[in-house]
Every structure is written in structure tokens, then in C-alpha cells.
Amino acid sequence: MIVYGVALLSGCLILGMLIGESIGVFLNVDANVGGVGIAMIFLVLASNSEKFKALTEGAAGSGIKFWSAMYIPIVVAMAARQDVAGATEGGLLAVVAGVAAVAVSFALVPVLSKIGSSAATNED
């Protein structure tokens, strides 16, 4: 019943986008101000609410939990795409800094993996 999760996600996203657009109009900014973040807050509150408790149990609950877990990585990917677009317009230094940050992050994956695995074996 992933459909219930999609329906809840869609409702939260529409409400968050409307509020974000309203804040943009209020601040006289030609942009959506925080709509996706507001939608994320609504999704977290709705999925933990007593009103939706019947939906969060059983097969329907797995759909809501799935989309609640997927929403944050989707938002991060959307924000990263905007950062890349802004960086390419910002010049070569911004692009070099972004590529360097990604390279350092990739280089640290094995180090963090070893730290995590040694911590796990020490706990046993």
C-alpha cells in the first residue's frame, strides 16, 4: 500500500509549496521560500500524528515509512542540483571547490568504513 505514502507525501508537498510561495510573495521575492522544507516538516508531523495512526500500521504503514525515508534524500538531491547550477554560473573557483569537496568525501569513505567496522567489533 505504498499509495497511501505517496498520497500523504503529495498532500504535504502541495501544502508546503503553497506556503513557500505565499512566504515568497509576502517577502516580495520571486521564489518559493522554504516550501520543500515546510513540506518535510508536515510529512514528519503527519506520519507521527495520532490522526494518521491507523494508516501507519500494516501494509499501508510500510508505504508511508518508505516515502518518509525517501523524502529527505530526494530533497538533498534537489538542493544539490540547484547548488551545481549556481556554482557553474558563479565561475571556475566555485566549480573547483565543489569538485574538491566531492573528491575529499569520496576519499574519506574507506577511512570512515574502517572506523565504523572497528567500532562495531569492539562493541561485541
PDB file of N, CA and C in Angstrom:
ATOM      1  N   MET A   1       0.818  -1.198   0.000  1.00  0.00           N
ATOM      2  CA  MET A   1       0.000   0.000   0.000  1.00  0.00           C
ATOM      3  C   MET A   1       0.861   1.262   0.000  1.00  0.00           C
ATOM      4  N   ILE A   2       1.820   1.292  -0.873  1.00  0.00           N
ATOM      5  CA  ILE A   2       2.688   2.457  -0.988  1.00  0.00           C
ATOM      6  C   ILE A   2       1.885   3.670  -1.442  1.00  0.00           C
ATOM      7  N   VAL A   3       0.701   3.439  -1.996  1.00  0.00           N
ATOM      8  CA  VAL A   3      -0.137   4.532  -2.485  1.00  0.00           C
ATOM      9  C   VAL A   3      -0.470   5.506  -1.362  1.00  0.00           C
ATOM     10  N   TYR A   4      -0.725   5.007  -0.156  1.00  0.00           N
ATOM     11  CA  TYR A   4      -1.026   5.899   0.956  1.00  0.00           C
ATOM     12  C   TYR A   4       0.171   6.790   1.276  1.00  0.00           C
ATOM     13  N   GLY A   5       1.355   6.240   1.192  1.00  0.00           N
ATOM     14  CA  GLY A   5       2.553   7.036   1.416  1.00  0.00           C
ATOM     15  C   GLY A   5       2.708   8.120   0.372  1.00  0.00           C
ATOM     16  N   VAL A   6       2.419   7.776  -0.887  1.00  0.00           N
ATOM     17  CA  VAL A   6       2.506   8.763  -1.966  1.00  0.00           C
ATOM     18  C   VAL A   6       1.449   9.845  -1.769  1.00  0.00           C
ATOM     19  N   ALA A   7       0.243   9.448  -1.368  1.00  0.00           N
ATOM     20  CA  ALA A   7      -0.824  10.422  -1.147  1.00  0.00           C
ATOM     21  C   ALA A   7      -0.468  11.378  -0.013  1.00  0.00           C
ATOM     22  N   LEU A   8       0.070  10.861   1.066  1.00  0.00           N
ATOM     23  CA  LEU A   8       0.470  11.709   2.186  1.00  0.00           C
ATOM     24  C   LEU A   8       1.615  12.626   1.781  1.00  0.00           C
ATOM     25  N   LEU A   9       2.592  12.087   1.069  1.00  0.00           N
ATOM     26  CA  LEU A   9       3.708  12.887   0.580  1.00  0.00           C
ATOM     27  C   LEU A   9       3.219  13.992  -0.351  1.00  0.00           C
ATOM     28  N   SER A  10       2.320  13.663  -1.261  1.00  0.00           N
ATOM     29  CA  SER A  10       1.800  14.647  -2.207  1.00  0.00           C
ATOM     30  C   SER A  10       1.046  15.760  -1.497  1.00  0.00           C
ATOM     31  N   GLY A  11       0.214  15.388  -0.548  1.00  0.00           N
ATOM     32  CA  GLY A  11      -0.524  16.404   0.202  1.00  0.00           C
ATOM     33  C   GLY A  11       0.402  17.335   0.968  1.00  0.00           C
ATOM     34  N   CYS A  12       1.409  16.762   1.602  1.00  0.00           N
ATOM     35  CA  CYS A  12       2.369  17.590   2.339  1.00  0.00           C
ATOM     36  C   CYS A  12       3.162  18.487   1.400  1.00  0.00           C
ATOM     37  N   LEU A  13       3.541  17.950   0.242  1.00  0.00           N
ATOM     38  CA  LEU A  13       4.313  18.741  -0.720  1.00  0.00           C
ATOM     39  C   LEU A  13       3.485  19.897  -1.269  1.00  0.00           C
ATOM     40  N   ILE A  14       2.235  19.644  -1.620  1.00  0.00           N
ATOM     41  CA  ILE A  14       1.381  20.710  -2.144  1.00  0.00           C
ATOM     42  C   ILE A  14       1.179  21.793  -1.091  1.00  0.00           C
ATOM     43  N   LEU A  15       0.895  21.387   0.137  1.00  0.00           N
ATOM     44  CA  LEU A  15       0.699  22.362   1.209  1.00  0.00           C
ATOM     45  C   LEU A  15       1.974  23.150   1.478  1.00  0.00           C
ATOM     46  N   GLY A  16       3.117  22.472   1.513  1.00  0.00           N
ATOM     47  CA  GLY A  16       4.389  23.152   1.740  1.00  0.00           C
ATOM     48  C   GLY A  16       4.731  24.123   0.629  1.00  0.00           C
ATOM     49  N   MET A  17       4.483  23.721  -0.629  1.00  0.00           N
ATOM     50  CA  MET A  17       4.769  24.607  -1.759  1.00  0.00           C
ATOM     51  C   MET A  17       3.868  25.837  -1.737  1.00  0.00           C
ATOM     52  N   LEU A  18       2.598  25.656  -1.400  1.00  0.00           N
ATOM     53  CA  LEU A  18       1.695  26.807  -1.313  1.00  0.00           C
ATOM     54  C   LEU A  18       2.153  27.781  -0.227  1.00  0.00           C
ATOM     55  N   ILE A  19       2.554  27.254   0.911  1.00  0.00           N
ATOM     56  CA  ILE A  19       3.031  28.123   1.990  1.00  0.00           C
ATOM     57  C   ILE A  19       4.339  28.790   1.594  1.00  0.00           C
ATOM     58  N   GLY A  20       5.240  28.048   0.944  1.00  0.00           N
ATOM     59  CA  GLY A  20       6.507  28.619   0.484  1.00  0.00           C
ATOM     60  C   GLY A  20       6.302  29.734  -0.526  1.00  0.00           C
ATOM     61  N   GLU A  21       5.376  29.537  -1.464  1.00  0.00           N
ATOM     62  CA  GLU A  21       5.065  30.594  -2.439  1.00  0.00           C
ATOM     63  C   GLU A  21       4.458  31.803  -1.746  1.00  0.00           C
ATOM     64  N   SER A  22       3.587  31.555  -0.757  1.00  0.00           N
ATOM     65  CA  SER A  22       2.976  32.659  -0.016  1.00  0.00           C
ATOM     66  C   SER A  22       4.024  33.468   0.744  1.00  0.00           C
ATOM     67  N   ILE A  23       4.980  32.785   1.337  1.00  0.00           N
ATOM     68  CA  ILE A  23       6.060  33.487   2.041  1.00  0.00           C
ATOM     69  C   ILE A  23       6.879  34.300   1.052  1.00  0.00           C
ATOM     70  N   GLY A  24       7.137  33.751  -0.137  1.00  0.00           N
ATOM     71  CA  GLY A  24       7.864  34.482  -1.171  1.00  0.00           C
ATOM     72  C   GLY A  24       7.136  35.739  -1.604  1.00  0.00           C
ATOM     73  N   VAL A  25       5.823  35.634  -1.776  1.00  0.00           N
ATOM     74  CA  VAL A  25       5.032  36.815  -2.148  1.00  0.00           C
ATOM     75  C   VAL A  25       5.051  37.833  -1.011  1.00  0.00           C
ATOM     76  N   PHE A  26       4.917  37.362   0.220  1.00  0.00           N
ATOM     77  CA  PHE A  26       4.921  38.256   1.379  1.00  0.00           C
ATOM     78  C   PHE A  26       6.247  39.001   1.510  1.00  0.00           C
ATOM     79  N   LEU A  27       7.360  38.315   1.219  1.00  0.00           N
ATOM     80  CA  LEU A  27       8.682  38.935   1.318  1.00  0.00           C
ATOM     81  C   LEU A  27       9.089  39.669   0.034  1.00  0.00           C
ATOM     82  N   ASN A  28       8.204  39.666  -0.964  1.00  0.00           N
ATOM     83  CA  ASN A  28       8.458  40.307  -2.250  1.00  0.00           C
ATOM     84  C   ASN A  28       9.684  39.702  -2.939  1.00  0.00           C
ATOM     85  N   VAL A  29       9.759  38.365  -2.886  1.00  0.00           N
ATOM     86  CA  VAL A  29      10.835  37.610  -3.518  1.00  0.00           C
ATOM     87  C   VAL A  29      10.198  36.733  -4.586  1.00  0.00           C
ATOM     88  N   ASP A  30      10.804  36.688  -5.762  1.00  0.00           N
ATOM     89  CA  ASP A  30      10.258  35.884  -6.841  1.00  0.00           C
ATOM     90  C   ASP A  30      10.785  34.450  -6.736  1.00  0.00           C
ATOM     91  N   ALA A  31      10.448  33.785  -5.627  1.00  0.00           N
ATOM     92  CA  ALA A  31      10.907  32.415  -5.400  1.00  0.00           C
ATOM     93  C   ALA A  31      10.042  31.759  -4.340  1.00  0.00           C
ATOM     94  N   ASN A  32      10.123  30.431  -4.312  1.00  0.00           N
ATOM     95  CA  ASN A  32       9.482  29.659  -3.265  1.00  0.00           C
ATOM     96  C   ASN A  32      10.441  29.652  -2.080  1.00  0.00           C
ATOM     97  N   VAL A  33      10.009  30.155  -0.955  1.00  0.00           N
ATOM     98  CA  VAL A  33      10.887  30.289   0.208  1.00  0.00           C
ATOM     99  C   VAL A  33      10.581  29.170   1.206  1.00  0.00           C
ATOM    100  N   GLY A  34      11.385  28.128   1.157  1.00  0.00           N
ATOM    101  CA  GLY A  34      11.293  27.055   2.145  1.00  0.00           C
ATOM    102  C   GLY A  34      10.150  26.094   1.964  1.00  0.00           C
ATOM    103  N   GLY A  35       9.535  26.049   0.798  1.00  0.00           N
ATOM    104  CA  GLY A  35       8.375  25.188   0.593  1.00  0.00           C
ATOM    105  C   GLY A  35       8.674  23.718   0.774  1.00  0.00           C
ATOM    106  N   VAL A  36       9.804  23.257   0.277  1.00  0.00           N
ATOM    107  CA  VAL A  36      10.158  21.845   0.389  1.00  0.00           C
ATOM    108  C   VAL A  36      10.468  21.487   1.843  1.00  0.00           C
ATOM    109  N   GLY A  37      11.146  22.382   2.544  1.00  0.00           N
ATOM    110  CA  GLY A  37      11.429  22.148   3.967  1.00  0.00           C
ATOM    111  C   GLY A  37      10.165  22.125   4.800  1.00  0.00           C
ATOM    112  N   ILE A  38       9.244  23.032   4.491  1.00  0.00           N
ATOM    113  CA  ILE A  38       7.956  23.052   5.198  1.00  0.00           C
ATOM    114  C   ILE A  38       7.195  21.756   4.923  1.00  0.00           C
ATOM    115  N   ALA A  39       7.242  21.293   3.676  1.00  0.00           N
ATOM    116  CA  ALA A  39       6.583  20.033   3.334  1.00  0.00           C
ATOM    117  C   ALA A  39       7.201  18.873   4.102  1.00  0.00           C
ATOM    118  N   MET A  40       8.526  18.896   4.272  1.00  0.00           N
ATOM    119  CA  MET A  40       9.194  17.839   5.025  1.00  0.00           C
ATOM    120  C   MET A  40       8.735  17.843   6.482  1.00  0.00           C
ATOM    121  N   ILE A  41       8.605  19.020   7.049  1.00  0.00           N
ATOM    122  CA  ILE A  41       8.123  19.116   8.437  1.00  0.00           C
ATOM    123  C   ILE A  41       6.707  18.574   8.544  1.00  0.00           C
ATOM    124  N   PHE A  42       5.839  18.942   7.580  1.00  0.00           N
ATOM    125  CA  PHE A  42       4.475  18.423   7.588  1.00  0.00           C
ATOM    126  C   PHE A  42       4.463  16.899   7.467  1.00  0.00           C
ATOM    127  N   LEU A  43       5.331  16.349   6.625  1.00  0.00           N
ATOM    128  CA  LEU A  43       5.374  14.899   6.455  1.00  0.00           C
ATOM    129  C   LEU A  43       5.800  14.200   7.741  1.00  0.00           C
ATOM    130  N   VAL A  44       6.794  14.742   8.410  1.00  0.00           N
ATOM    131  CA  VAL A  44       7.246  14.148   9.674  1.00  0.00           C
ATOM    132  C   VAL A  44       6.142  14.242  10.724  1.00  0.00           C
ATOM    133  N   LEU A  45       5.505  15.400  10.819  1.00  0.00           N
ATOM    134  CA  LEU A  45       4.430  15.565  11.801  1.00  0.00           C
ATOM    135  C   LEU A  45       3.239  14.666  11.474  1.00  0.00           C
ATOM    136  N   ALA A  46       2.875  14.591  10.193  1.00  0.00           N
ATOM    137  CA  ALA A  46       1.716  13.773   9.810  1.00  0.00           C
ATOM    138  C   ALA A  46       1.981  12.291  10.017  1.00  0.00           C
ATOM    139  N   SER A  47       3.180  11.834   9.676  1.00  0.00           N
ATOM    140  CA  SER A  47       3.457  10.405   9.818  1.00  0.00           C
ATOM    141  C   SER A  47       3.586   9.979  11.273  1.00  0.00           C
ATOM    142  N   ASN A  48       3.791  10.923  12.176  1.00  0.00           N
ATOM    143  CA  ASN A  48       3.862  10.602  13.603  1.00  0.00           C
ATOM    144  C   ASN A  48       2.617  11.035  14.359  1.00  0.00           C
ATOM    145  N   SER A  49       1.596  11.491  13.648  1.00  0.00           N
ATOM    146  CA  SER A  49       0.382  12.008  14.262  1.00  0.00           C
ATOM    147  C   SER A  49      -0.572  10.882  14.655  1.00  0.00           C
ATOM    148  N   GLU A  50      -1.373  11.137  15.670  1.00  0.00           N
ATOM    149  CA  GLU A  50      -2.384  10.170  16.100  1.00  0.00           C
ATOM    150  C   GLU A  50      -3.504  10.040  15.062  1.00  0.00           C
ATOM    151  N   LYS A  51      -3.787  11.118  14.307  1.00  0.00           N
ATOM    152  CA  LYS A  51      -4.823  11.061  13.281  1.00  0.00           C
ATOM    153  C   LYS A  51      -4.488  10.044  12.196  1.00  0.00           C
ATOM    154  N   PHE A  52      -3.224   9.919  11.882  1.00  0.00           N
ATOM    155  CA  PHE A  52      -2.790   9.012  10.836  1.00  0.00           C
ATOM    156  C   PHE A  52      -2.280   7.686  11.404  1.00  0.00           C
ATOM    157  N   LYS A  53      -2.536   7.417  12.689  1.00  0.00           N
ATOM    158  CA  LYS A  53      -2.029   6.201  13.334  1.00  0.00           C
ATOM    159  C   LYS A  53      -2.576   4.946  12.660  1.00  0.00           C
ATOM    160  N   ALA A  54      -3.834   4.969  12.221  1.00  0.00           N
ATOM    161  CA  ALA A  54      -4.411   3.805  11.552  1.00  0.00           C
ATOM    162  C   ALA A  54      -3.738   3.556  10.207  1.00  0.00           C
ATOM    163  N   LEU A  55      -3.301   4.631   9.547  1.00  0.00           N
ATOM    164  CA  LEU A  55      -2.624   4.482   8.262  1.00  0.00           C
ATOM    165  C   LEU A  55      -1.191   3.996   8.410  1.00  0.00           C
ATOM    166  N   THR A  56      -0.595   4.248   9.559  1.00  0.00           N
ATOM    167  CA  THR A  56       0.818   3.912   9.734  1.00  0.00           C
ATOM    168  C   THR A  56       1.033   2.504  10.269  1.00  0.00           C
ATOM    169  N   GLU A  57       0.002   1.689  10.266  1.00  0.00           N
ATOM    170  CA  GLU A  57       0.132   0.310  10.706  1.00  0.00           C
ATOM    171  C   GLU A  57      -0.122  -0.626   9.530  1.00  0.00           C
ATOM    172  N   GLY A  58       0.499  -1.761   9.528  1.00  0.00           N
ATOM    173  CA  GLY A  58       0.284  -2.762   8.486  1.00  0.00           C
ATOM    174  C   GLY A  58       0.945  -2.401   7.176  1.00  0.00           C
ATOM    175  N   ALA A  59       0.319  -2.866   6.081  1.00  0.00           N
ATOM    176  CA  ALA A  59       0.886  -2.669   4.746  1.00  0.00           C
ATOM    177  C   ALA A  59       0.907  -1.197   4.362  1.00  0.00           C
ATOM    178  N   ALA A  60      -0.112  -0.453   4.749  1.00  0.00           N
ATOM    179  CA  ALA A  60      -0.151   0.981   4.431  1.00  0.00           C
ATOM    180  C   ALA A  60       0.965   1.718   5.152  1.00  0.00           C
ATOM    181  N   GLY A  61       1.265   1.285   6.348  1.00  0.00           N
ATOM    182  CA  GLY A  61       2.330   1.920   7.123  1.00  0.00           C
ATOM    183  C   GLY A  61       3.687   1.767   6.479  1.00  0.00           C
ATOM    184  N   SER A  62       3.910   0.642   5.808  1.00  0.00           N
ATOM    185  CA  SER A  62       5.204   0.464   5.150  1.00  0.00           C
ATOM    186  C   SER A  62       5.367   1.449   4.007  1.00  0.00           C
ATOM    187  N   GLY A  63       4.280   1.775   3.311  1.00  0.00           N
ATOM    188  CA  GLY A  63       4.346   2.773   2.245  1.00  0.00           C
ATOM    189  C   GLY A  63       4.654   4.152   2.777  1.00  0.00           C
ATOM    190  N   ILE A  64       4.009   4.521   3.872  1.00  0.00           N
ATOM    191  CA  ILE A  64       4.258   5.836   4.474  1.00  0.00           C
ATOM    192  C   ILE A  64       5.677   5.910   5.011  1.00  0.00           C
ATOM    193  N   LYS A  65       6.130   4.853   5.659  1.00  0.00           N
ATOM    194  CA  LYS A  65       7.503   4.849   6.171  1.00  0.00           C
ATOM    195  C   LYS A  65       8.520   4.895   5.033  1.00  0.00           C
ATOM    196  N   PHE A  66       8.237   4.202   3.940  1.00  0.00           N
ATOM    197  CA  PHE A  66       9.131   4.208   2.786  1.00  0.00           C
ATOM    198  C   PHE A  66       9.269   5.621   2.236  1.00  0.00           C
ATOM    199  N   TRP A  67       8.147   6.295   1.980  1.00  0.00           N
ATOM    200  CA  TRP A  67       8.230   7.631   1.395  1.00  0.00           C
ATOM    201  C   TRP A  67       8.735   8.658   2.380  1.00  0.00           C
ATOM    202  N   SER A  68       8.493   8.454   3.659  1.00  0.00           N
ATOM    203  CA  SER A  68       9.072   9.353   4.659  1.00  0.00           C
ATOM    204  C   SER A  68      10.587   9.239   4.649  1.00  0.00           C
ATOM    205  N   ALA A  69      11.095   8.008   4.503  1.00  0.00           N
ATOM    206  CA  ALA A  69      12.543   7.799   4.462  1.00  0.00           C
ATOM    207  C   ALA A  69      13.137   8.293   3.150  1.00  0.00           C
ATOM    208  N   MET A  70      12.412   8.198   2.048  1.00  0.00           N
ATOM    209  CA  MET A  70      12.928   8.609   0.743  1.00  0.00           C
ATOM    210  C   MET A  70      12.892  10.116   0.539  1.00  0.00           C
ATOM    211  N   TYR A  71      12.061  10.805   1.286  1.00  0.00           N
ATOM    212  CA  TYR A  71      11.847  12.227   1.045  1.00  0.00           C
ATOM    213  C   TYR A  71      13.104  13.046   1.307  1.00  0.00           C
ATOM    214  N   ILE A  72      13.801  12.761   2.389  1.00  0.00           N
ATOM    215  CA  ILE A  72      14.992  13.541   2.740  1.00  0.00           C
ATOM    216  C   ILE A  72      16.086  13.400   1.677  1.00  0.00           C
ATOM    217  N   PRO A  73      16.435  12.184   1.201  1.00  0.00           N
ATOM    218  CA  PRO A  73      17.435  12.116   0.127  1.00  0.00           C
ATOM    219  C   PRO A  73      16.996  12.821  -1.152  1.00  0.00           C
ATOM    220  N   ILE A  74      15.697  12.792  -1.445  1.00  0.00           N
ATOM    221  CA  ILE A  74      15.203  13.483  -2.634  1.00  0.00           C
ATOM    222  C   ILE A  74      15.403  14.984  -2.485  1.00  0.00           C
ATOM    223  N   VAL A  75      15.109  15.525  -1.314  1.00  0.00           N
ATOM    224  CA  VAL A  75      15.287  16.955  -1.072  1.00  0.00           C
ATOM    225  C   VAL A  75      16.763  17.331  -1.159  1.00  0.00           C
ATOM    226  N   VAL A  76      17.624  16.497  -0.609  1.00  0.00           N
ATOM    227  CA  VAL A  76      19.069  16.780  -0.677  1.00  0.00           C
ATOM    228  C   VAL A  76      19.533  16.781  -2.125  1.00  0.00           C
ATOM    229  N   ALA A  77      19.037  15.838  -2.923  1.00  0.00           N
ATOM    230  CA  ALA A  77      19.419  15.798  -4.342  1.00  0.00           C
ATOM    231  C   ALA A  77      18.919  17.027  -5.081  1.00  0.00           C
ATOM    232  N   MET A  78      17.709  17.470  -4.769  1.00  0.00           N
ATOM    233  CA  MET A  78      17.182  18.679  -5.406  1.00  0.00           C
ATOM    234  C   MET A  78      18.019  19.893  -5.039  1.00  0.00           C
ATOM    235  N   ALA A  79      18.395  20.006  -3.780  1.00  0.00           N
ATOM    236  CA  ALA A  79      19.214  21.136  -3.349  1.00  0.00           C
ATOM    237  C   ALA A  79      20.601  21.081  -3.977  1.00  0.00           C
ATOM    238  N   ALA A  80      21.153  19.891  -4.109  1.00  0.00           N
ATOM    239  CA  ALA A  80      22.478  19.750  -4.722  1.00  0.00           C
ATOM    240  C   ALA A  80      22.447  20.175  -6.178  1.00  0.00           C
ATOM    241  N   ARG A  81      21.365  19.845  -6.878  1.00  0.00           N
ATOM    242  CA  ARG A  81      21.235  20.246  -8.274  1.00  0.00           C
ATOM    243  C   ARG A  81      21.213  21.771  -8.392  1.00  0.00           C
ATOM    244  N   GLN A  82      20.524  22.429  -7.485  1.00  0.00           N
ATOM    245  CA  GLN A  82      20.473  23.890  -7.504  1.00  0.00           C
ATOM    246  C   GLN A  82      21.842  24.469  -7.189  1.00  0.00           C
ATOM    247  N   ASP A  83      22.582  23.842  -6.271  1.00  0.00           N
ATOM    248  CA  ASP A  83      23.913  24.324  -5.928  1.00  0.00           C
ATOM    249  C   ASP A  83      24.860  24.208  -7.117  1.00  0.00           C
ATOM    250  N   VAL A  84      24.749  23.117  -7.876  1.00  0.00           N
ATOM    251  CA  VAL A  84      25.605  22.936  -9.044  1.00  0.00           C
ATOM    252  C   VAL A  84      25.282  23.987 -10.100  1.00  0.00           C
ATOM    253  N   ALA A  85      24.004  24.253 -10.316  1.00  0.00           N
ATOM    254  CA  ALA A  85      23.613  25.268 -11.295  1.00  0.00           C
ATOM    255  C   ALA A  85      24.141  26.640 -10.877  1.00  0.00           C
ATOM    256  N   GLY A  86      24.042  26.956  -9.605  1.00  0.00           N
ATOM    257  CA  GLY A  86      24.569  28.226  -9.118  1.00  0.00           C
ATOM    258  C   GLY A  86      26.079  28.303  -9.194  1.00  0.00           C
ATOM    259  N   ALA A  87      26.745  27.175  -8.953  1.00  0.00           N
ATOM    260  CA  ALA A  87      28.208  27.157  -8.987  1.00  0.00           C
ATOM    261  C   ALA A  87      28.730  27.363 -10.394  1.00  0.00           C
ATOM    262  N   THR A  88      28.067  26.765 -11.376  1.00  0.00           N
ATOM    263  CA  THR A  88      28.541  26.950 -12.750  1.00  0.00           C
ATOM    264  C   THR A  88      28.366  28.388 -13.204  1.00  0.00           C
ATOM    265  N   GLU A  89      27.366  29.063 -12.694  1.00  0.00           N
ATOM    266  CA  GLU A  89      27.186  30.479 -13.018  1.00  0.00           C
ATOM    267  C   GLU A  89      28.139  31.351 -12.210  1.00  0.00           C
ATOM    268  N   GLY A  90      28.616  30.843 -11.080  1.00  0.00           N
ATOM    269  CA  GLY A  90      29.470  31.620 -10.180  1.00  0.00           C
ATOM    270  C   GLY A  90      30.922  31.697 -10.609  1.00  0.00           C
ATOM    271  N   GLY A  91      31.341  30.852 -11.522  1.00  0.00           N
ATOM    272  CA  GLY A  91      32.713  30.916 -12.004  1.00  0.00           C
ATOM    273  C   GLY A  91      33.490  29.650 -11.735  1.00  0.00           C
ATOM    274  N   LEU A  92      34.732  29.658 -12.176  1.00  0.00           N
ATOM    275  CA  LEU A  92      35.593  28.477 -12.109  1.00  0.00           C
ATOM    276  C   LEU A  92      35.954  28.105 -10.670  1.00  0.00           C
ATOM    277  N   LEU A  93      36.182  29.085  -9.807  1.00  0.00           N
ATOM    278  CA  LEU A  93      36.574  28.784  -8.427  1.00  0.00           C
ATOM    279  C   LEU A  93      35.482  28.008  -7.696  1.00  0.00           C
ATOM    280  N   ALA A  94      34.225  28.368  -7.928  1.00  0.00           N
ATOM    281  CA  ALA A  94      33.121  27.655  -7.279  1.00  0.00           C
ATOM    282  C   ALA A  94      33.056  26.205  -7.763  1.00  0.00           C
ATOM    283  N   VAL A  95      33.283  25.990  -9.042  1.00  0.00           N
ATOM    284  CA  VAL A  95      33.261  24.632  -9.594  1.00  0.00           C
ATOM    285  C   VAL A  95      34.417  23.811  -9.028  1.00  0.00           C
ATOM    286  N   VAL A  96      35.608  24.392  -8.962  1.00  0.00           N
ATOM    287  CA  VAL A  96      36.777  23.694  -8.423  1.00  0.00           C
ATOM    288  C   VAL A  96      36.551  23.341  -6.951  1.00  0.00           C
ATOM    289  N   ALA A  97      35.978  24.262  -6.183  1.00  0.00           N
ATOM    290  CA  ALA A  97      35.707  23.992  -4.763  1.00  0.00           C
ATOM    291  C   ALA A  97      34.704  22.854  -4.609  1.00  0.00           C
ATOM    292  N   GLY A  98      33.679  22.822  -5.460  1.00  0.00           N
ATOM    293  CA  GLY A  98      32.690  21.746  -5.401  1.00  0.00           C
ATOM    294  C   GLY A  98      33.286  20.402  -5.754  1.00  0.00           C
ATOM    295  N   VAL A  99      34.097  20.364  -6.808  1.00  0.00           N
ATOM    296  CA  VAL A  99      34.739  19.115  -7.213  1.00  0.00           C
ATOM    297  C   VAL A  99      35.704  18.644  -6.130  1.00  0.00           C
ATOM    298  N   ALA A 100      36.428  19.559  -5.515  1.00  0.00           N
ATOM    299  CA  ALA A 100      37.358  19.187  -4.445  1.00  0.00           C
ATOM    300  C   ALA A 100      36.612  18.609  -3.239  1.00  0.00           C
ATOM    301  N   ALA A 101      35.489  19.206  -2.895  1.00  0.00           N
ATOM    302  CA  ALA A 101      34.704  18.702  -1.761  1.00  0.00           C
ATOM    303  C   ALA A 101      34.195  17.287  -2.037  1.00  0.00           C
ATOM    304  N   VAL A 102      33.752  17.035  -3.253  1.00  0.00           N
ATOM    305  CA  VAL A 102      33.279  15.695  -3.613  1.00  0.00           C
ATOM    306  C   VAL A 102      34.430  14.702  -3.594  1.00  0.00           C
ATOM    307  N   ALA A 103      35.586  15.100  -4.118  1.00  0.00           N
ATOM    308  CA  ALA A 103      36.752  14.210  -4.139  1.00  0.00           C
ATOM    309  C   ALA A 103      37.192  13.844  -2.723  1.00  0.00           C
ATOM    310  N   VAL A 104      37.223  14.813  -1.832  1.00  0.00           N
ATOM    311  CA  VAL A 104      37.608  14.547  -0.440  1.00  0.00           C
ATOM    312  C   VAL A 104      36.583  13.625   0.219  1.00  0.00           C
ATOM    313  N   SER A 105      35.309  13.846  -0.062  1.00  0.00           N
ATOM    314  CA  SER A 105      34.267  12.979   0.509  1.00  0.00           C
ATOM    315  C   SER A 105      34.418  11.540   0.041  1.00  0.00           C
ATOM    316  N   PHE A 106      34.673  11.359  -1.262  1.00  0.00           N
ATOM    317  CA  PHE A 106      34.885  10.010  -1.777  1.00  0.00           C
ATOM    318  C   PHE A 106      36.124   9.368  -1.161  1.00  0.00           C
ATOM    319  N   ALA A 107      37.178  10.151  -0.962  1.00  0.00           N
ATOM    320  CA  ALA A 107      38.411   9.617  -0.391  1.00  0.00           C
ATOM    321  C   ALA A 107      38.219   9.209   1.067  1.00  0.00           C
ATOM    322  N   LEU A 108      37.312   9.839   1.773  1.00  0.00           N
ATOM    323  CA  LEU A 108      37.094   9.530   3.189  1.00  0.00           C
ATOM    324  C   LEU A 108      36.164   8.342   3.423  1.00  0.00           C
ATOM    325  N   VAL A 109      35.494   7.860   2.388  1.00  0.00           N
ATOM    326  CA  VAL A 109      34.577   6.729   2.563  1.00  0.00           C
ATOM    327  C   VAL A 109      35.293   5.502   3.118  1.00  0.00           C
ATOM    328  N   PRO A 110      36.434   5.068   2.560  1.00  0.00           N
ATOM    329  CA  PRO A 110      37.109   3.886   3.129  1.00  0.00           C
ATOM    330  C   PRO A 110      37.583   4.124   4.565  1.00  0.00           C
ATOM    331  N   VAL A 111      38.040   5.329   4.855  1.00  0.00           N
ATOM    332  CA  VAL A 111      38.506   5.636   6.216  1.00  0.00           C
ATOM    333  C   VAL A 111      37.356   5.527   7.205  1.00  0.00           C
ATOM    334  N   LEU A 112      36.228   6.119   6.864  1.00  0.00           N
ATOM    335  CA  LEU A 112      35.065   6.063   7.755  1.00  0.00           C
ATOM    336  C   LEU A 112      34.524   4.642   7.863  1.00  0.00           C
ATOM    337  N   SER A 113      34.621   3.882   6.789  1.00  0.00           N
ATOM    338  CA  SER A 113      34.174   2.497   6.814  1.00  0.00           C
ATOM    339  C   SER A 113      35.022   1.670   7.779  1.00  0.00           C
ATOM    340  N   LYS A 114      36.336   1.881   7.771  1.00  0.00           N
ATOM    341  CA  LYS A 114      37.216   1.160   8.695  1.00  0.00           C
ATOM    342  C   LYS A 114      36.947   1.567  10.137  1.00  0.00           C
ATOM    343  N   ILE A 115      36.715   2.847  10.359  1.00  0.00           N
ATOM    344  CA  ILE A 115      36.412   3.314  11.717  1.00  0.00           C
ATOM    345  C   ILE A 115      35.113   2.684  12.203  1.00  0.00           C
ATOM    346  N   GLY A 116      34.096   2.653  11.326  1.00  0.00           N
ATOM    347  CA  GLY A 116      32.810   2.074  11.695  1.00  0.00           C
ATOM    348  C   GLY A 116      32.900   0.589  11.961  1.00  0.00           C
ATOM    349  N   SER A 117      33.657  -0.134  11.152  1.00  0.00           N
ATOM    350  CA  SER A 117      33.753  -1.589  11.346  1.00  0.00           C
ATOM    351  C   SER A 117      34.558  -1.919  12.591  1.00  0.00           C
ATOM    352  N   SER A 118      35.597  -1.141  12.907  1.00  0.00           N
ATOM    353  CA  SER A 118      36.365  -1.410  14.122  1.00  0.00           C
ATOM    354  C   SER A 118      35.554  -1.066  15.363  1.00  0.00           C
ATOM    355  N   ALA A 119      34.729  -0.049  15.297  1.00  0.00           N
ATOM    356  CA  ALA A 119      33.867   0.295  16.434  1.00  0.00           C
ATOM    357  C   ALA A 119      32.829  -0.802  16.665  1.00  0.00           C
ATOM    358  N   ALA A 120      32.317  -1.399  15.573  1.00  0.00           N
ATOM    359  CA  ALA A 120      31.329  -2.453  15.703  1.00  0.00           C
ATOM    360  C   ALA A 120      31.928  -3.721  16.304  1.00  0.00           C
ATOM    361  N   THR A 121      33.155  -4.043  15.954  1.00  0.00           N
ATOM    362  CA  THR A 121      33.780  -5.240  16.512  1.00  0.00           C
ATOM    363  C   THR A 121      34.180  -5.022  17.964  1.00  0.00           C
ATOM    364  N   ASN A 122      34.498  -3.823  18.356  1.00  0.00           N
ATOM    365  CA  ASN A 122      34.829  -3.532  19.750  1.00  0.00           C
ATOM    366  C   ASN A 122      33.625  -3.642  20.664  1.00  0.00           C
ATOM    367  N   GLU A 123      32.404  -3.384  20.121  1.00  0.00           N
ATOM    368  CA  GLU A 123      31.198  -3.458  20.935  1.00  0.00           C
ATOM    369  C   GLU A 123      30.807  -4.894  21.234  1.00  0.00           C
ATOM    370  N   ASP A 124      31.185  -5.835  20.360  1.00  0.00           N
ATOM    371  CA  ASP A 124      30.793  -7.244  20.538  1.00  0.00           C
ATOM    372  C   ASP A 124      31.541  -7.899  21.625  1.00  0.00           C
TER     373      ASP A 124
END
